[in-house]
Amino acid sequence: MRGHAEVEAGQADWNAPDDALPEHPSVVWRKRHFPKLAPRYRAHGIQSVLELVALGMGVGIVLLFLAAGRKDVVRLTEPLDECETEQWLLTHPESRHMRRVGAVYAHLAQALTLP
């Protein structure tokens, strides 16, 4: 397992989104703080970055709610202010009044709230 000191020293292998997400906040943050770093592994999405981290393939920046409750990953820092994003729950306007849609969205809104 890599620690924060190894990450700061640029000695950790990085997992990052591939070119499909060039403006993702995690990509922008990494390029700003580690401009010369080239990720060792590139994945086609943040969930895949998390799975690479969980497999011990290096470090990466992932959404807190994705990693919450997982015992196979360790948070190395406090949340990165520069990577703060909002998550939206969307539905088709014609579906939003359906009880089952409302029930699912109420559950998701509560379940995805971080302490």
PDB file of N, CA and C in Angstrom:
ATOM      1  N   MET A   1       0.843  -1.176   0.000  1.00  0.00           N
ATOM      2  CA  MET A   1       0.000   0.000   0.000  1.00  0.00           C
ATOM      3  C   MET A   1       0.888   1.238   0.000  1.00  0.00           C
ATOM      4  N   ARG A   2       0.529   2.181  -0.815  1.00  0.00           N
ATOM      5  CA  ARG A   2       1.271   3.429  -0.904  1.00  0.00           C
ATOM      6  C   ARG A   2       0.749   4.413   0.134  1.00  0.00           C
ATOM      7  N   GLY A   3       1.663   5.203   0.695  1.00  0.00           N
ATOM      8  CA  GLY A   3       1.271   6.196   1.665  1.00  0.00           C
ATOM      9  C   GLY A   3       1.320   7.591   1.079  1.00  0.00           C
ATOM     10  N   HIS A   4       0.852   8.536   1.857  1.00  0.00           N
ATOM     11  CA  HIS A   4       0.793   9.923   1.412  1.00  0.00           C
ATOM     12  C   HIS A   4       2.178  10.452   1.054  1.00  0.00           C
ATOM     13  N   ALA A   5       3.207  10.099   1.812  1.00  0.00           N
ATOM     14  CA  ALA A   5       4.567  10.587   1.534  1.00  0.00           C
ATOM     15  C   ALA A   5       5.043  10.131   0.157  1.00  0.00           C
ATOM     16  N   GLU A   6       4.747   8.887  -0.208  1.00  0.00           N
ATOM     17  CA  GLU A   6       5.147   8.384  -1.527  1.00  0.00           C
ATOM     18  C   GLU A   6       4.393   9.112  -2.647  1.00  0.00           C
ATOM     19  N   VAL A   7       3.145   9.423  -2.388  1.00  0.00           N
ATOM     20  CA  VAL A   7       2.362  10.165  -3.377  1.00  0.00           C
ATOM     21  C   VAL A   7       2.964  11.555  -3.547  1.00  0.00           C
ATOM     22  N   GLU A   8       3.224  12.242  -2.433  1.00  0.00           N
ATOM     23  CA  GLU A   8       3.804  13.583  -2.482  1.00  0.00           C
ATOM     24  C   GLU A   8       5.156  13.603  -3.174  1.00  0.00           C
ATOM     25  N   ALA A   9       5.925  12.555  -3.001  1.00  0.00           N
ATOM     26  CA  ALA A   9       7.253  12.476  -3.618  1.00  0.00           C
ATOM     27  C   ALA A   9       7.188  12.034  -5.080  1.00  0.00           C
ATOM     28  N   GLY A  10       5.999  11.736  -5.570  1.00  0.00           N
ATOM     29  CA  GLY A  10       5.855  11.305  -6.950  1.00  0.00           C
ATOM     30  C   GLY A  10       6.301   9.877  -7.187  1.00  0.00           C
ATOM     31  N   GLN A  11       6.344   9.062  -6.138  1.00  0.00           N
ATOM     32  CA  GLN A  11       6.832   7.691  -6.248  1.00  0.00           C
ATOM     33  C   GLN A  11       5.709   6.660  -6.337  1.00  0.00           C
ATOM     34  N   ALA A  12       4.487   7.092  -6.303  1.00  0.00           N
ATOM     35  CA  ALA A  12       3.359   6.150  -6.353  1.00  0.00           C
ATOM     36  C   ALA A  12       2.872   6.006  -7.794  1.00  0.00           C
ATOM     37  N   ASP A  13       2.432   4.801  -8.127  1.00  0.00           N
ATOM     38  CA  ASP A  13       1.782   4.596  -9.416  1.00  0.00           C
ATOM     39  C   ASP A  13       0.392   5.224  -9.348  1.00  0.00           C
ATOM     40  N   TRP A  14       0.007   5.921 -10.400  1.00  0.00           N
ATOM     41  CA  TRP A  14      -1.297   6.580 -10.439  1.00  0.00           C
ATOM     42  C   TRP A  14      -2.241   5.886 -11.396  1.00  0.00           C
ATOM     43  N   ASN A  15      -3.500   5.842 -10.998  1.00  0.00           N
ATOM     44  CA  ASN A  15      -4.602   5.401 -11.840  1.00  0.00           C
ATOM     45  C   ASN A  15      -5.412   6.656 -12.137  1.00  0.00           C
ATOM     46  N   ALA A  16      -5.804   6.823 -13.380  1.00  0.00           N
ATOM     47  CA  ALA A  16      -6.526   8.030 -13.759  1.00  0.00           C
ATOM     48  C   ALA A  16      -7.496   7.728 -14.895  1.00  0.00           C
ATOM     49  N   PRO A  17      -8.481   8.601 -15.069  1.00  0.00           N
ATOM     50  CA  PRO A  17      -9.376   8.431 -16.213  1.00  0.00           C
ATOM     51  C   PRO A  17      -8.603   8.591 -17.520  1.00  0.00           C
ATOM     52  N   ASP A  18      -9.070   7.912 -18.561  1.00  0.00           N
ATOM     53  CA  ASP A  18      -8.423   8.044 -19.864  1.00  0.00           C
ATOM     54  C   ASP A  18      -8.876   9.335 -20.541  1.00  0.00           C
ATOM     55  N   ASP A  19      -8.566   9.464 -21.803  1.00  0.00           N
ATOM     56  CA  ASP A  19      -8.858  10.703 -22.526  1.00  0.00           C
ATOM     57  C   ASP A  19     -10.340  10.982 -22.714  1.00  0.00           C
ATOM     58  N   ALA A  20     -11.204  10.069 -22.307  1.00  0.00           N
ATOM     59  CA  ALA A  20     -12.644  10.306 -22.398  1.00  0.00           C
ATOM     60  C   ALA A  20     -13.102  11.367 -21.393  1.00  0.00           C
ATOM     61  N   LEU A  21     -12.299  11.607 -20.336  1.00  0.00           N
ATOM     62  CA  LEU A  21     -12.650  12.599 -19.301  1.00  0.00           C
ATOM     63  C   LEU A  21     -11.522  13.617 -19.107  1.00  0.00           C
ATOM     64  N   PRO A  22     -11.130  14.350 -20.146  1.00  0.00           N
ATOM     65  CA  PRO A  22      -9.972  15.239 -20.031  1.00  0.00           C
ATOM     66  C   PRO A  22     -10.158  16.416 -19.077  1.00  0.00           C
ATOM     67  N   GLU A  23     -11.387  16.831 -18.840  1.00  0.00           N
ATOM     68  CA  GLU A  23     -11.652  17.977 -17.969  1.00  0.00           C
ATOM     69  C   GLU A  23     -12.207  17.567 -16.606  1.00  0.00           C
ATOM     70  N   HIS A  24     -12.144  16.276 -16.296  1.00  0.00           N
ATOM     71  CA  HIS A  24     -12.640  15.825 -14.999  1.00  0.00           C
ATOM     72  C   HIS A  24     -11.840  16.527 -13.897  1.00  0.00           C
ATOM     73  N   PRO A  25     -12.490  16.963 -12.807  1.00  0.00           N
ATOM     74  CA  PRO A  25     -11.766  17.670 -11.741  1.00  0.00           C
ATOM     75  C   PRO A  25     -10.546  16.910 -11.216  1.00  0.00           C
ATOM     76  N   SER A  26     -10.588  15.587 -11.169  1.00  0.00           N
ATOM     77  CA  SER A  26      -9.432  14.824 -10.687  1.00  0.00           C
ATOM     78  C   SER A  26      -8.258  14.935 -11.649  1.00  0.00           C
ATOM     79  N   VAL A  27      -8.535  14.984 -12.942  1.00  0.00           N
ATOM     80  CA  VAL A  27      -7.479  15.121 -13.949  1.00  0.00           C
ATOM     81  C   VAL A  27      -6.858  16.515 -13.862  1.00  0.00           C
ATOM     82  N   VAL A  28      -7.710  17.528 -13.760  1.00  0.00           N
ATOM     83  CA  VAL A  28      -7.231  18.908 -13.646  1.00  0.00           C
ATOM     84  C   VAL A  28      -6.375  19.065 -12.388  1.00  0.00           C
ATOM     85  N   TRP A  29      -6.830  18.501 -11.258  1.00  0.00           N
ATOM     86  CA  TRP A  29      -6.090  18.590 -10.000  1.00  0.00           C
ATOM     87  C   TRP A  29      -4.724  17.915 -10.118  1.00  0.00           C
ATOM     88  N   ARG A  30      -4.704  16.701 -10.654  1.00  0.00           N
ATOM     89  CA  ARG A  30      -3.445  15.955 -10.773  1.00  0.00           C
ATOM     90  C   ARG A  30      -2.462  16.702 -11.662  1.00  0.00           C
ATOM     91  N   LYS A  31      -2.934  17.233 -12.772  1.00  0.00           N
ATOM     92  CA  LYS A  31      -2.037  17.962 -13.685  1.00  0.00           C
ATOM     93  C   LYS A  31      -1.517  19.247 -13.054  1.00  0.00           C
ATOM     94  N   ARG A  32      -2.330  19.873 -12.200  1.00  0.00           N
ATOM     95  CA  ARG A  32      -1.896  21.095 -11.531  1.00  0.00           C
ATOM     96  C   ARG A  32      -0.850  20.791 -10.452  1.00  0.00           C
ATOM     97  N   HIS A  33      -1.062  19.724  -9.691  1.00  0.00           N
ATOM     98  CA  HIS A  33      -0.175  19.424  -8.567  1.00  0.00           C
ATOM     99  C   HIS A  33       0.988  18.504  -8.928  1.00  0.00           C
ATOM    100  N   PHE A  34       0.841  17.704  -9.963  1.00  0.00           N
ATOM    101  CA  PHE A  34       1.888  16.795 -10.416  1.00  0.00           C
ATOM    102  C   PHE A  34       2.011  16.899 -11.940  1.00  0.00           C
ATOM    103  N   PRO A  35       2.482  18.050 -12.448  1.00  0.00           N
ATOM    104  CA  PRO A  35       2.459  18.290 -13.892  1.00  0.00           C
ATOM    105  C   PRO A  35       3.290  17.305 -14.726  1.00  0.00           C
ATOM    106  N   LYS A  36       4.314  16.735 -14.173  1.00  0.00           N
ATOM    107  CA  LYS A  36       5.177  15.825 -14.932  1.00  0.00           C
ATOM    108  C   LYS A  36       4.760  14.363 -14.792  1.00  0.00           C
ATOM    109  N   LEU A  37       3.791  14.105 -13.936  1.00  0.00           N
ATOM    110  CA  LEU A  37       3.381  12.735 -13.667  1.00  0.00           C
ATOM    111  C   LEU A  37       2.548  12.167 -14.818  1.00  0.00           C
ATOM    112  N   ALA A  38       2.905  10.972 -15.240  1.00  0.00           N
ATOM    113  CA  ALA A  38       2.121  10.248 -16.244  1.00  0.00           C
ATOM    114  C   ALA A  38       1.476   9.052 -15.541  1.00  0.00           C
ATOM    115  N   PRO A  39       0.154   8.962 -15.544  1.00  0.00           N
ATOM    116  CA  PRO A  39      -0.495   7.825 -14.884  1.00  0.00           C
ATOM    117  C   PRO A  39      -0.005   6.498 -15.455  1.00  0.00           C
ATOM    118  N   ARG A  40       0.182   5.552 -14.591  1.00  0.00           N
ATOM    119  CA  ARG A  40       0.613   4.221 -15.037  1.00  0.00           C
ATOM    120  C   ARG A  40      -0.543   3.480 -15.701  1.00  0.00           C
ATOM    121  N   TYR A  41      -1.745   3.636 -15.131  1.00  0.00           N
ATOM    122  CA  TYR A  41      -2.920   2.975 -15.676  1.00  0.00           C
ATOM    123  C   TYR A  41      -4.000   4.006 -15.944  1.00  0.00           C
ATOM    124  N   ARG A  42      -4.667   3.854 -17.075  1.00  0.00           N
ATOM    125  CA  ARG A  42      -5.787   4.732 -17.431  1.00  0.00           C
ATOM    126  C   ARG A  42      -7.041   3.882 -17.554  1.00  0.00           C
ATOM    127  N   ALA A  43      -8.114   4.417 -17.018  1.00  0.00           N
ATOM    128  CA  ALA A  43      -9.375   3.674 -17.004  1.00  0.00           C
ATOM    129  C   ALA A  43     -10.456   4.503 -17.681  1.00  0.00           C
ATOM    130  N   HIS A  44     -11.507   3.831 -18.110  1.00  0.00           N
ATOM    131  CA  HIS A  44     -12.583   4.512 -18.832  1.00  0.00           C
ATOM    132  C   HIS A  44     -13.683   4.998 -17.885  1.00  0.00           C
ATOM    133  N   GLY A  45     -13.302   5.548 -16.763  1.00  0.00           N
ATOM    134  CA  GLY A  45     -14.281   6.096 -15.833  1.00  0.00           C
ATOM    135  C   GLY A  45     -13.772   6.063 -14.408  1.00  0.00           C
ATOM    136  N   ILE A  46     -14.405   6.832 -13.554  1.00  0.00           N
ATOM    137  CA  ILE A  46     -13.982   6.948 -12.160  1.00  0.00           C
ATOM    138  C   ILE A  46     -14.215   5.649 -11.397  1.00  0.00           C
ATOM    139  N   GLN A  47     -15.307   4.948 -11.693  1.00  0.00           N
ATOM    140  CA  GLN A  47     -15.549   3.654 -11.034  1.00  0.00           C
ATOM    141  C   GLN A  47     -14.406   2.688 -11.340  1.00  0.00           C
ATOM    142  N   SER A  48     -13.919   2.700 -12.566  1.00  0.00           N
ATOM    143  CA  SER A  48     -12.801   1.825 -12.939  1.00  0.00           C
ATOM    144  C   SER A  48     -11.514   2.246 -12.246  1.00  0.00           C
ATOM    145  N   VAL A  49     -11.323   3.549 -12.058  1.00  0.00           N
ATOM    146  CA  VAL A  49     -10.155   4.024 -11.302  1.00  0.00           C
ATOM    147  C   VAL A  49     -10.221   3.461  -9.887  1.00  0.00           C
ATOM    148  N   LEU A  50     -11.393   3.517  -9.275  1.00  0.00           N
ATOM    149  CA  LEU A  50     -11.574   2.977  -7.924  1.00  0.00           C
ATOM    150  C   LEU A  50     -11.245   1.491  -7.884  1.00  0.00           C
ATOM    151  N   GLU A  51     -11.692   0.737  -8.863  1.00  0.00           N
ATOM    152  CA  GLU A  51     -11.426  -0.705  -8.877  1.00  0.00           C
ATOM    153  C   GLU A  51      -9.933  -0.988  -9.027  1.00  0.00           C
ATOM    154  N   LEU A  52      -9.225  -0.196  -9.812  1.00  0.00           N
ATOM    155  CA  LEU A  52      -7.768  -0.361  -9.931  1.00  0.00           C
ATOM    156  C   LEU A  52      -7.081  -0.085  -8.593  1.00  0.00           C
ATOM    157  N   VAL A  53      -7.522   0.958  -7.914  1.00  0.00           N
ATOM    158  CA  VAL A  53      -6.964   1.269  -6.588  1.00  0.00           C
ATOM    159  C   VAL A  53      -7.235   0.103  -5.641  1.00  0.00           C
ATOM    160  N   ALA A  54      -8.456  -0.411  -5.647  1.00  0.00           N
ATOM    161  CA  ALA A  54      -8.836  -1.515  -4.760  1.00  0.00           C
ATOM    162  C   ALA A  54      -8.008  -2.770  -5.033  1.00  0.00           C
ATOM    163  N   LEU A  55      -7.584  -2.945  -6.269  1.00  0.00           N
ATOM    164  CA  LEU A  55      -6.753  -4.101  -6.625  1.00  0.00           C
ATOM    165  C   LEU A  55      -5.284  -3.907  -6.275  1.00  0.00           C
ATOM    166  N   GLY A  56      -4.946  -2.730  -5.725  1.00  0.00           N
ATOM    167  CA  GLY A  56      -3.565  -2.465  -5.340  1.00  0.00           C
ATOM    168  C   GLY A  56      -2.689  -2.003  -6.486  1.00  0.00           C
ATOM    169  N   MET A  57      -3.306  -1.477  -7.534  1.00  0.00           N
ATOM    170  CA  MET A  57      -2.568  -1.060  -8.722  1.00  0.00           C
ATOM    171  C   MET A  57      -2.025   0.357  -8.607  1.00  0.00           C
ATOM    172  N   GLY A  58      -2.225   1.027  -7.483  1.00  0.00           N
ATOM    173  CA  GLY A  58      -1.721   2.378  -7.298  1.00  0.00           C
ATOM    174  C   GLY A  58      -2.746   3.244  -6.600  1.00  0.00           C
ATOM    175  N   VAL A  59      -2.539   4.546  -6.712  1.00  0.00           N
ATOM    176  CA  VAL A  59      -3.429   5.522  -6.082  1.00  0.00           C
ATOM    177  C   VAL A  59      -4.277   6.194  -7.149  1.00  0.00           C
ATOM    178  N   GLY A  60      -5.335   6.846  -6.716  1.00  0.00           N
ATOM    179  CA  GLY A  60      -6.183   7.580  -7.640  1.00  0.00           C
ATOM    180  C   GLY A  60      -7.128   8.472  -6.877  1.00  0.00           C
ATOM    181  N   ILE A  61      -7.758   9.366  -7.595  1.00  0.00           N
ATOM    182  CA  ILE A  61      -8.740  10.276  -7.009  1.00  0.00           C
ATOM    183  C   ILE A  61     -10.116   9.765  -7.415  1.00  0.00           C
ATOM    184  N   VAL A  62     -10.942   9.493  -6.417  1.00  0.00           N
ATOM    185  CA  VAL A  62     -12.281   8.962  -6.684  1.00  0.00           C
ATOM    186  C   VAL A  62     -13.316   9.732  -5.882  1.00  0.00           C
ATOM    187  N   LEU A  63     -14.567   9.550  -6.257  1.00  0.00           N
ATOM    188  CA  LEU A  63     -15.660  10.179  -5.533  1.00  0.00           C
ATOM    189  C   LEU A  63     -15.817   9.523  -4.166  1.00  0.00           C
ATOM    190  N   LEU A  64     -15.974  10.335  -3.135  1.00  0.00           N
ATOM    191  CA  LEU A  64     -16.075   9.812  -1.782  1.00  0.00           C
ATOM    192  C   LEU A  64     -17.227   8.829  -1.621  1.00  0.00           C
ATOM    193  N   PHE A  65     -18.366   9.125  -2.230  1.00  0.00           N
ATOM    194  CA  PHE A  65     -19.503   8.229  -2.036  1.00  0.00           C
ATOM    195  C   PHE A  65     -19.269   6.869  -2.681  1.00  0.00           C
ATOM    196  N   LEU A  66     -18.421   6.797  -3.710  1.00  0.00           N
ATOM    197  CA  LEU A  66     -18.106   5.502  -4.309  1.00  0.00           C
ATOM    198  C   LEU A  66     -17.240   4.655  -3.380  1.00  0.00           C
ATOM    199  N   ALA A  67     -16.336   5.308  -2.668  1.00  0.00           N
ATOM    200  CA  ALA A  67     -15.403   4.583  -1.807  1.00  0.00           C
ATOM    201  C   ALA A  67     -15.940   4.368  -0.392  1.00  0.00           C
ATOM    202  N   ALA A  68     -17.013   5.053  -0.041  1.00  0.00           N
ATOM    203  CA  ALA A  68     -17.563   4.957   1.315  1.00  0.00           C
ATOM    204  C   ALA A  68     -17.912   3.505   1.654  1.00  0.00           C
ATOM    205  N   GLY A  69     -17.451   3.066   2.816  1.00  0.00           N
ATOM    206  CA  GLY A  69     -17.772   1.735   3.304  1.00  0.00           C
ATOM    207  C   GLY A  69     -16.913   0.616   2.735  1.00  0.00           C
ATOM    208  N   ARG A  70     -16.033   0.932   1.808  1.00  0.00           N
ATOM    209  CA  ARG A  70     -15.182  -0.112   1.235  1.00  0.00           C
ATOM    210  C   ARG A  70     -13.976  -0.325   2.142  1.00  0.00           C
ATOM    211  N   LYS A  71     -13.658  -1.569   2.371  1.00  0.00           N
ATOM    212  CA  LYS A  71     -12.519  -1.907   3.229  1.00  0.00           C
ATOM    213  C   LYS A  71     -11.252  -2.174   2.409  1.00  0.00           C
ATOM    214  N   ASP A  72     -11.379  -2.166   1.088  1.00  0.00           N
ATOM    215  CA  ASP A  72     -10.232  -2.462   0.235  1.00  0.00           C
ATOM    216  C   ASP A  72      -9.533  -1.211  -0.302  1.00  0.00           C
ATOM    217  N   VAL A  73      -9.932  -0.031   0.189  1.00  0.00           N
ATOM    218  CA  VAL A  73      -9.264   1.217  -0.173  1.00  0.00           C
ATOM    219  C   VAL A  73      -9.057   2.053   1.088  1.00  0.00           C
ATOM    220  N   VAL A  74      -8.052   2.916   1.048  1.00  0.00           N
ATOM    221  CA  VAL A  74      -7.728   3.783   2.183  1.00  0.00           C
ATOM    222  C   VAL A  74      -7.638   5.211   1.682  1.00  0.00           C
ATOM    223  N   ARG A  75      -8.323   6.110   2.362  1.00  0.00           N
ATOM    224  CA  ARG A  75      -8.239   7.526   2.009  1.00  0.00           C
ATOM    225  C   ARG A  75      -6.938   8.093   2.548  1.00  0.00           C
ATOM    226  N   LEU A  76      -6.155   8.726   1.688  1.00  0.00           N
ATOM    227  CA  LEU A  76      -4.859   9.262   2.088  1.00  0.00           C
ATOM    228  C   LEU A  76      -4.908  10.726   2.499  1.00  0.00           C
ATOM    229  N   THR A  77      -5.934  11.450   2.062  1.00  0.00           N
ATOM    230  CA  THR A  77      -6.036  12.879   2.379  1.00  0.00           C
ATOM    231  C   THR A  77      -7.469  13.219   2.747  1.00  0.00           C
ATOM    232  N   GLU A  78      -7.642  14.414   3.212  1.00  0.00           N
ATOM    233  CA  GLU A  78      -8.981  14.960   3.378  1.00  0.00           C
ATOM    234  C   GLU A  78      -9.536  15.212   1.976  1.00  0.00           C
ATOM    235  N   PRO A  79     -10.832  15.447   1.850  1.00  0.00           N
ATOM    236  CA  PRO A  79     -11.386  15.739   0.517  1.00  0.00           C
ATOM    237  C   PRO A  79     -10.653  16.904  -0.145  1.00  0.00           C
ATOM    238  N   LEU A  80     -10.448  16.793  -1.434  1.00  0.00           N
ATOM    239  CA  LEU A  80      -9.742  17.818  -2.197  1.00  0.00           C
ATOM    240  C   LEU A  80     -10.737  18.892  -2.627  1.00  0.00           C
ATOM    241  N   ASP A  81     -10.587  20.093  -2.056  1.00  0.00           N
ATOM    242  CA  ASP A  81     -11.526  21.177  -2.348  1.00  0.00           C
ATOM    243  C   ASP A  81     -11.644  21.447  -3.840  1.00  0.00           C
ATOM    244  N   GLU A  82     -10.530  21.356  -4.555  1.00  0.00           N
ATOM    245  CA  GLU A  82     -10.528  21.646  -5.988  1.00  0.00           C
ATOM    246  C   GLU A  82     -11.287  20.599  -6.800  1.00  0.00           C
ATOM    247  N   CYS A  83     -11.579  19.474  -6.185  1.00  0.00           N
ATOM    248  CA  CYS A  83     -12.280  18.396  -6.893  1.00  0.00           C
ATOM    249  C   CYS A  83     -13.742  18.277  -6.491  1.00  0.00           C
ATOM    250  N   GLU A  84     -14.218  19.206  -5.685  1.00  0.00           N
ATOM    251  CA  GLU A  84     -15.620  19.177  -5.255  1.00  0.00           C
ATOM    252  C   GLU A  84     -16.536  19.261  -6.470  1.00  0.00           C
ATOM    253  N   THR A  85     -17.494  18.378  -6.541  1.00  0.00           N
ATOM    254  CA  THR A  85     -18.501  18.402  -7.599  1.00  0.00           C
ATOM    255  C   THR A  85     -19.859  18.099  -6.990  1.00  0.00           C
ATOM    256  N   GLU A  86     -20.889  18.391  -7.713  1.00  0.00           N
ATOM    257  CA  GLU A  86     -22.236  18.066  -7.281  1.00  0.00           C
ATOM    258  C   GLU A  86     -22.704  16.837  -8.033  1.00  0.00           C
ATOM    259  N   GLN A  87     -23.491  16.034  -7.364  1.00  0.00           N
ATOM    260  CA  GLN A  87     -24.110  14.885  -8.011  1.00  0.00           C
ATOM    261  C   GLN A  87     -25.581  15.216  -8.188  1.00  0.00           C
ATOM    262  N   TRP A  88     -26.099  14.967  -9.357  1.00  0.00           N
ATOM    263  CA  TRP A  88     -27.488  15.264  -9.653  1.00  0.00           C
ATOM    264  C   TRP A  88     -28.262  13.978  -9.875  1.00  0.00           C
ATOM    265  N   LEU A  89     -29.469  13.949  -9.392  1.00  0.00           N
ATOM    266  CA  LEU A  89     -30.389  12.852  -9.677  1.00  0.00           C
ATOM    267  C   LEU A  89     -31.410  13.400 -10.676  1.00  0.00           C
ATOM    268  N   LEU A  90     -31.432  12.840 -11.858  1.00  0.00           N
ATOM    269  CA  LEU A  90     -32.302  13.343 -12.913  1.00  0.00           C
ATOM    270  C   LEU A  90     -33.356  12.317 -13.286  1.00  0.00           C
ATOM    271  N   THR A  91     -34.490  12.817 -13.715  1.00  0.00           N
ATOM    272  CA  THR A  91     -35.555  11.963 -14.221  1.00  0.00           C
ATOM    273  C   THR A  91     -36.265  12.683 -15.356  1.00  0.00           C
ATOM    274  N   HIS A  92     -36.933  11.942 -16.166  1.00  0.00           N
ATOM    275  CA  HIS A  92     -37.730  12.524 -17.241  1.00  0.00           C
ATOM    276  C   HIS A  92     -38.903  13.272 -16.612  1.00  0.00           C
ATOM    277  N   PRO A  93     -39.253  14.449 -17.139  1.00  0.00           N
ATOM    278  CA  PRO A  93     -40.336  15.229 -16.543  1.00  0.00           C
ATOM    279  C   PRO A  93     -41.653  14.460 -16.406  1.00  0.00           C
ATOM    280  N   GLU A  94     -41.921  13.562 -17.316  1.00  0.00           N
ATOM    281  CA  GLU A  94     -43.169  12.814 -17.245  1.00  0.00           C
ATOM    282  C   GLU A  94     -43.132  11.716 -16.180  1.00  0.00           C
ATOM    283  N   SER A  95     -41.936  11.337 -15.717  1.00  0.00           N
ATOM    284  CA  SER A  95     -41.798  10.249 -14.744  1.00  0.00           C
ATOM    285  C   SER A  95     -41.680  10.736 -13.313  1.00  0.00           C
ATOM    286  N   ARG A  96     -41.341  11.985 -13.126  1.00  0.00           N
ATOM    287  CA  ARG A  96     -41.031  12.470 -11.784  1.00  0.00           C
ATOM    288  C   ARG A  96     -42.195  12.402 -10.814  1.00  0.00           C
ATOM    289  N   HIS A  97     -43.434  12.345 -11.308  1.00  0.00           N
ATOM    290  CA  HIS A  97     -44.596  12.307 -10.424  1.00  0.00           C
ATOM    291  C   HIS A  97     -45.027  10.887 -10.069  1.00  0.00           C
ATOM    292  N   MET A  98     -44.377   9.900 -10.650  1.00  0.00           N
ATOM    293  CA  MET A  98     -44.727   8.508 -10.361  1.00  0.00           C
ATOM    294  C   MET A  98     -44.204   8.138  -8.974  1.00  0.00           C
ATOM    295  N   ARG A  99     -45.017   7.448  -8.185  1.00  0.00           N
ATOM    296  CA  ARG A  99     -44.633   7.089  -6.815  1.00  0.00           C
ATOM    297  C   ARG A  99     -43.348   6.278  -6.762  1.00  0.00           C
ATOM    298  N   ARG A 100     -43.225   5.283  -7.615  1.00  0.00           N
ATOM    299  CA  ARG A 100     -42.036   4.432  -7.556  1.00  0.00           C
ATOM    300  C   ARG A 100     -40.778   5.218  -7.903  1.00  0.00           C
ATOM    301  N   VAL A 101     -40.872   6.147  -8.831  1.00  0.00           N
ATOM    302  CA  VAL A 101     -39.720   6.988  -9.170  1.00  0.00           C
ATOM    303  C   VAL A 101     -39.383   7.885  -7.981  1.00  0.00           C
ATOM    304  N   GLY A 102     -40.390   8.472  -7.381  1.00  0.00           N
ATOM    305  CA  GLY A 102     -40.172   9.307  -6.201  1.00  0.00           C
ATOM    306  C   GLY A 102     -39.551   8.532  -5.052  1.00  0.00           C
ATOM    307  N   ALA A 103     -39.996   7.293  -4.857  1.00  0.00           N
ATOM    308  CA  ALA A 103     -39.448   6.460  -3.778  1.00  0.00           C
ATOM    309  C   ALA A 103     -37.980   6.134  -4.026  1.00  0.00           C
ATOM    310  N   VAL A 104     -37.642   5.797  -5.254  1.00  0.00           N
ATOM    311  CA  VAL A 104     -36.240   5.491  -5.592  1.00  0.00           C
ATOM    312  C   VAL A 104     -35.372   6.725  -5.405  1.00  0.00           C
ATOM    313  N   TYR A 105     -35.849   7.858  -5.879  1.00  0.00           N
ATOM    314  CA  TYR A 105     -35.056   9.078  -5.755  1.00  0.00           C
ATOM    315  C   TYR A 105     -34.905   9.517  -4.301  1.00  0.00           C
ATOM    316  N   ALA A 106     -35.930   9.372  -3.497  1.00  0.00           N
ATOM    317  CA  ALA A 106     -35.827   9.705  -2.079  1.00  0.00           C
ATOM    318  C   ALA A 106     -34.794   8.806  -1.408  1.00  0.00           C
ATOM    319  N   HIS A 107     -34.817   7.519  -1.743  1.00  0.00           N
ATOM    320  CA  HIS A 107     -33.827   6.593  -1.171  1.00  0.00           C
ATOM    321  C   HIS A 107     -32.420   6.952  -1.629  1.00  0.00           C
ATOM    322  N   LEU A 108     -32.229   7.195  -2.926  1.00  0.00           N
ATOM    323  CA  LEU A 108     -30.894   7.543  -3.438  1.00  0.00           C
ATOM    324  C   LEU A 108     -30.372   8.838  -2.833  1.00  0.00           C
ATOM    325  N   ALA A 109     -31.242   9.831  -2.723  1.00  0.00           N
ATOM    326  CA  ALA A 109     -30.817  11.115  -2.148  1.00  0.00           C
ATOM    327  C   ALA A 109     -30.339  10.932  -0.718  1.00  0.00           C
ATOM    328  N   GLN A 110     -30.988  10.065   0.039  1.00  0.00           N
ATOM    329  CA  GLN A 110     -30.584   9.824   1.425  1.00  0.00           C
ATOM    330  C   GLN A 110     -29.339   8.932   1.484  1.00  0.00           C
ATOM    331  N   ALA A 111     -29.283   7.920   0.649  1.00  0.00           N
ATOM    332  CA  ALA A 111     -28.176   6.961   0.679  1.00  0.00           C
ATOM    333  C   ALA A 111     -26.878   7.565   0.188  1.00  0.00           C
ATOM    334  N   LEU A 112     -26.950   8.538  -0.708  1.00  0.00           N
ATOM    335  CA  LEU A 112     -25.747   9.130  -1.279  1.00  0.00           C
ATOM    336  C   LEU A 112     -25.230  10.327  -0.497  1.00  0.00           C
ATOM    337  N   THR A 113     -25.896  10.674   0.585  1.00  0.00           N
ATOM    338  CA  THR A 113     -25.448  11.783   1.423  1.00  0.00           C
ATOM    339  C   THR A 113     -24.301  11.307   2.315  1.00  0.00           C
ATOM    340  N   LEU A 114     -23.206  12.046   2.267  1.00  0.00           N
ATOM    341  CA  LEU A 114     -22.057  11.690   3.091  1.00  0.00           C
ATOM    342  C   LEU A 114     -22.130  12.413   4.430  1.00  0.00           C
ATOM    343  N   PRO A 115     -21.607  11.787   5.479  1.00  0.00           N
ATOM    344  CA  PRO A 115     -21.623  12.447   6.795  1.00  0.00           C
ATOM    345  C   PRO A 115     -20.781  13.707   6.801  1.00  0.00           C
TER     346      PRO A 115
END
